[in-house]
Amino acid sequence: MGMSFINWIGFGMLLLAFLLNEAFLGINAWYELNIVAVLVGVVWLVVAAALSIWPNRSDQRA
């Protein structure tokens, strides 16, 4: 199974989400729930996970 450009974008998005989580949530305590930020984060992670496991056109497995 080869890695396509779409898969690398997904892995990059997951890595960026991890780094931003460590940078902001590790330092700052959230005293109020910011529902918009939570929803954006969830959508970001779903898209990143979907792109990272997106099937490659050259995969011929049935």
N, C-alpha and C. Protein backbone atom coordinates (compact mmCIF):
# COMPACT_ATOMS: atom_id res chain seq x y z
N MET A 1 0.85 -1.18 0.00
CA MET A 1 0.00 0.00 0.00
C MET A 1 0.89 1.23 0.00
N GLY A 2 0.73 2.06 -1.02
CA GLY A 2 1.53 3.26 -1.13
C GLY A 2 0.83 4.45 -0.50
N MET A 3 1.62 5.46 -0.22
CA MET A 3 1.08 6.69 0.37
C MET A 3 0.92 7.72 -0.74
N SER A 4 -0.27 8.28 -0.84
CA SER A 4 -0.51 9.32 -1.82
C SER A 4 -0.38 10.69 -1.16
N PHE A 5 -0.45 11.72 -1.97
CA PHE A 5 -0.35 13.09 -1.46
C PHE A 5 -1.48 13.40 -0.48
N ILE A 6 -2.67 12.86 -0.76
CA ILE A 6 -3.84 13.07 0.13
C ILE A 6 -3.55 12.48 1.51
N ASN A 7 -2.94 11.29 1.55
CA ASN A 7 -2.60 10.67 2.83
C ASN A 7 -1.61 11.51 3.61
N TRP A 8 -0.63 12.07 2.92
CA TRP A 8 0.37 12.90 3.61
C TRP A 8 -0.27 14.18 4.16
N ILE A 9 -1.23 14.75 3.44
CA ILE A 9 -1.93 15.93 3.95
C ILE A 9 -2.67 15.56 5.24
N GLY A 10 -3.33 14.41 5.24
CA GLY A 10 -4.05 13.96 6.44
C GLY A 10 -3.12 13.77 7.62
N PHE A 11 -1.97 13.13 7.40
CA PHE A 11 -1.02 12.94 8.49
C PHE A 11 -0.45 14.28 8.96
N GLY A 12 -0.22 15.19 8.04
CA GLY A 12 0.24 16.52 8.44
C GLY A 12 -0.79 17.27 9.27
N MET A 13 -2.06 17.12 8.90
CA MET A 13 -3.13 17.76 9.68
C MET A 13 -3.21 17.15 11.08
N LEU A 14 -3.05 15.83 11.19
CA LEU A 14 -3.06 15.19 12.51
C LEU A 14 -1.88 15.65 13.36
N LEU A 15 -0.70 15.76 12.74
CA LEU A 15 0.48 16.23 13.46
C LEU A 15 0.30 17.67 13.92
N LEU A 16 -0.25 18.52 13.04
CA LEU A 16 -0.49 19.91 13.41
C LEU A 16 -1.49 20.02 14.55
N ALA A 17 -2.53 19.19 14.51
CA ALA A 17 -3.52 19.20 15.60
C ALA A 17 -2.88 18.78 16.92
N PHE A 18 -2.00 17.78 16.88
CA PHE A 18 -1.31 17.34 18.09
C PHE A 18 -0.42 18.45 18.64
N LEU A 19 0.34 19.10 17.77
CA LEU A 19 1.25 20.16 18.22
C LEU A 19 0.49 21.36 18.78
N LEU A 20 -0.61 21.75 18.11
CA LEU A 20 -1.39 22.87 18.61
C LEU A 20 -2.08 22.52 19.93
N ASN A 21 -2.50 21.28 20.08
CA ASN A 21 -3.11 20.85 21.34
C ASN A 21 -2.10 20.94 22.47
N GLU A 22 -0.88 20.49 22.23
CA GLU A 22 0.15 20.56 23.26
C GLU A 22 0.54 22.01 23.56
N ALA A 23 0.58 22.84 22.54
CA ALA A 23 1.01 24.23 22.73
C ALA A 23 -0.02 25.05 23.49
N PHE A 24 -1.31 24.88 23.14
CA PHE A 24 -2.33 25.75 23.72
C PHE A 24 -3.04 25.13 24.91
N LEU A 25 -3.46 23.89 24.78
CA LEU A 25 -4.20 23.29 25.88
C LEU A 25 -3.28 22.83 26.99
N GLY A 26 -2.04 22.53 26.68
CA GLY A 26 -1.10 22.12 27.71
C GLY A 26 -0.69 23.28 28.60
N ILE A 27 -0.71 24.49 28.06
CA ILE A 27 -0.28 25.67 28.81
C ILE A 27 -1.47 26.40 29.43
N ASN A 28 -2.50 26.60 28.64
CA ASN A 28 -3.64 27.39 29.10
C ASN A 28 -4.76 26.48 29.60
N ALA A 29 -5.31 26.83 30.74
CA ALA A 29 -6.47 26.11 31.25
C ALA A 29 -7.72 26.80 30.72
N TRP A 30 -8.65 26.01 30.22
CA TRP A 30 -9.89 26.59 29.69
C TRP A 30 -10.87 26.75 30.85
N TYR A 31 -11.16 27.99 31.20
CA TYR A 31 -12.10 28.26 32.28
C TYR A 31 -13.53 28.33 31.77
N GLU A 32 -13.70 28.53 30.49
CA GLU A 32 -15.03 28.54 29.89
C GLU A 32 -15.00 27.65 28.67
N LEU A 33 -16.11 27.03 28.39
CA LEU A 33 -16.20 26.11 27.26
C LEU A 33 -16.46 26.92 25.99
N ASN A 34 -15.56 26.83 25.06
CA ASN A 34 -15.71 27.50 23.78
C ASN A 34 -16.20 26.47 22.78
N ILE A 35 -17.52 26.39 22.60
CA ILE A 35 -18.12 25.34 21.80
C ILE A 35 -17.73 25.44 20.33
N VAL A 36 -17.51 26.63 19.82
CA VAL A 36 -17.10 26.79 18.42
C VAL A 36 -15.71 26.20 18.21
N ALA A 37 -14.80 26.44 19.13
CA ALA A 37 -13.45 25.88 19.01
C ALA A 37 -13.48 24.36 19.11
N VAL A 38 -14.34 23.84 19.96
CA VAL A 38 -14.46 22.38 20.09
C VAL A 38 -15.01 21.78 18.80
N LEU A 39 -16.03 22.39 18.22
CA LEU A 39 -16.60 21.89 16.98
C LEU A 39 -15.60 21.96 15.82
N VAL A 40 -14.86 23.05 15.73
CA VAL A 40 -13.84 23.17 14.69
C VAL A 40 -12.76 22.10 14.88
N GLY A 41 -12.37 21.86 16.11
CA GLY A 41 -11.37 20.83 16.39
C GLY A 41 -11.86 19.43 16.02
N VAL A 42 -13.10 19.13 16.31
CA VAL A 42 -13.65 17.82 15.99
C VAL A 42 -13.73 17.63 14.48
N VAL A 43 -14.21 18.65 13.77
CA VAL A 43 -14.29 18.57 12.31
C VAL A 43 -12.89 18.43 11.72
N TRP A 44 -11.92 19.18 12.24
CA TRP A 44 -10.54 19.09 11.77
C TRP A 44 -10.00 17.67 11.92
N LEU A 45 -10.23 17.05 13.09
CA LEU A 45 -9.72 15.71 13.33
C LEU A 45 -10.41 14.66 12.47
N VAL A 46 -11.71 14.83 12.23
CA VAL A 46 -12.43 13.88 11.38
C VAL A 46 -11.92 13.96 9.94
N VAL A 47 -11.74 15.17 9.44
CA VAL A 47 -11.22 15.35 8.08
C VAL A 47 -9.79 14.81 7.98
N ALA A 48 -8.97 15.09 8.97
CA ALA A 48 -7.58 14.62 8.95
C ALA A 48 -7.51 13.10 8.98
N ALA A 49 -8.32 12.48 9.81
CA ALA A 49 -8.32 11.02 9.88
C ALA A 49 -8.83 10.41 8.57
N ALA A 50 -9.85 11.01 7.99
CA ALA A 50 -10.39 10.50 6.72
C ALA A 50 -9.35 10.62 5.60
N LEU A 51 -8.64 11.74 5.55
CA LEU A 51 -7.62 11.92 4.51
C LEU A 51 -6.44 10.98 4.71
N SER A 52 -6.09 10.72 5.97
CA SER A 52 -4.92 9.87 6.21
C SER A 52 -5.17 8.42 5.85
N ILE A 53 -6.44 7.97 5.85
CA ILE A 53 -6.73 6.58 5.49
C ILE A 53 -7.42 6.48 4.14
N TRP A 54 -7.45 7.58 3.38
CA TRP A 54 -8.10 7.60 2.07
C TRP A 54 -7.42 6.58 1.15
N PRO A 55 -8.19 5.74 0.46
CA PRO A 55 -7.57 4.73 -0.39
C PRO A 55 -6.85 5.34 -1.59
N ASN A 56 -5.77 4.70 -1.95
CA ASN A 56 -4.96 5.14 -3.07
C ASN A 56 -5.49 4.54 -4.37
N ARG A 57 -5.39 5.24 -5.46
CA ARG A 57 -5.88 4.76 -6.74
C ARG A 57 -5.12 3.52 -7.20
N SER A 58 -3.86 3.39 -6.79
CA SER A 58 -3.06 2.25 -7.22
C SER A 58 -3.32 1.00 -6.39
N ASP A 59 -4.09 1.11 -5.29
CA ASP A 59 -4.42 -0.06 -4.51
C ASP A 59 -5.41 -0.93 -5.28
N GLN A 60 -5.09 -2.20 -5.44
CA GLN A 60 -5.93 -3.11 -6.20
C GLN A 60 -6.48 -4.23 -5.32
N ARG A 61 -6.50 -4.03 -4.01
CA ARG A 61 -7.03 -5.06 -3.13
C ARG A 61 -8.53 -5.09 -3.20
N ALA A 62 -9.12 -6.26 -3.14
CA ALA A 62 -10.59 -6.39 -3.20
C ALA A 62 -11.16 -6.67 -1.84
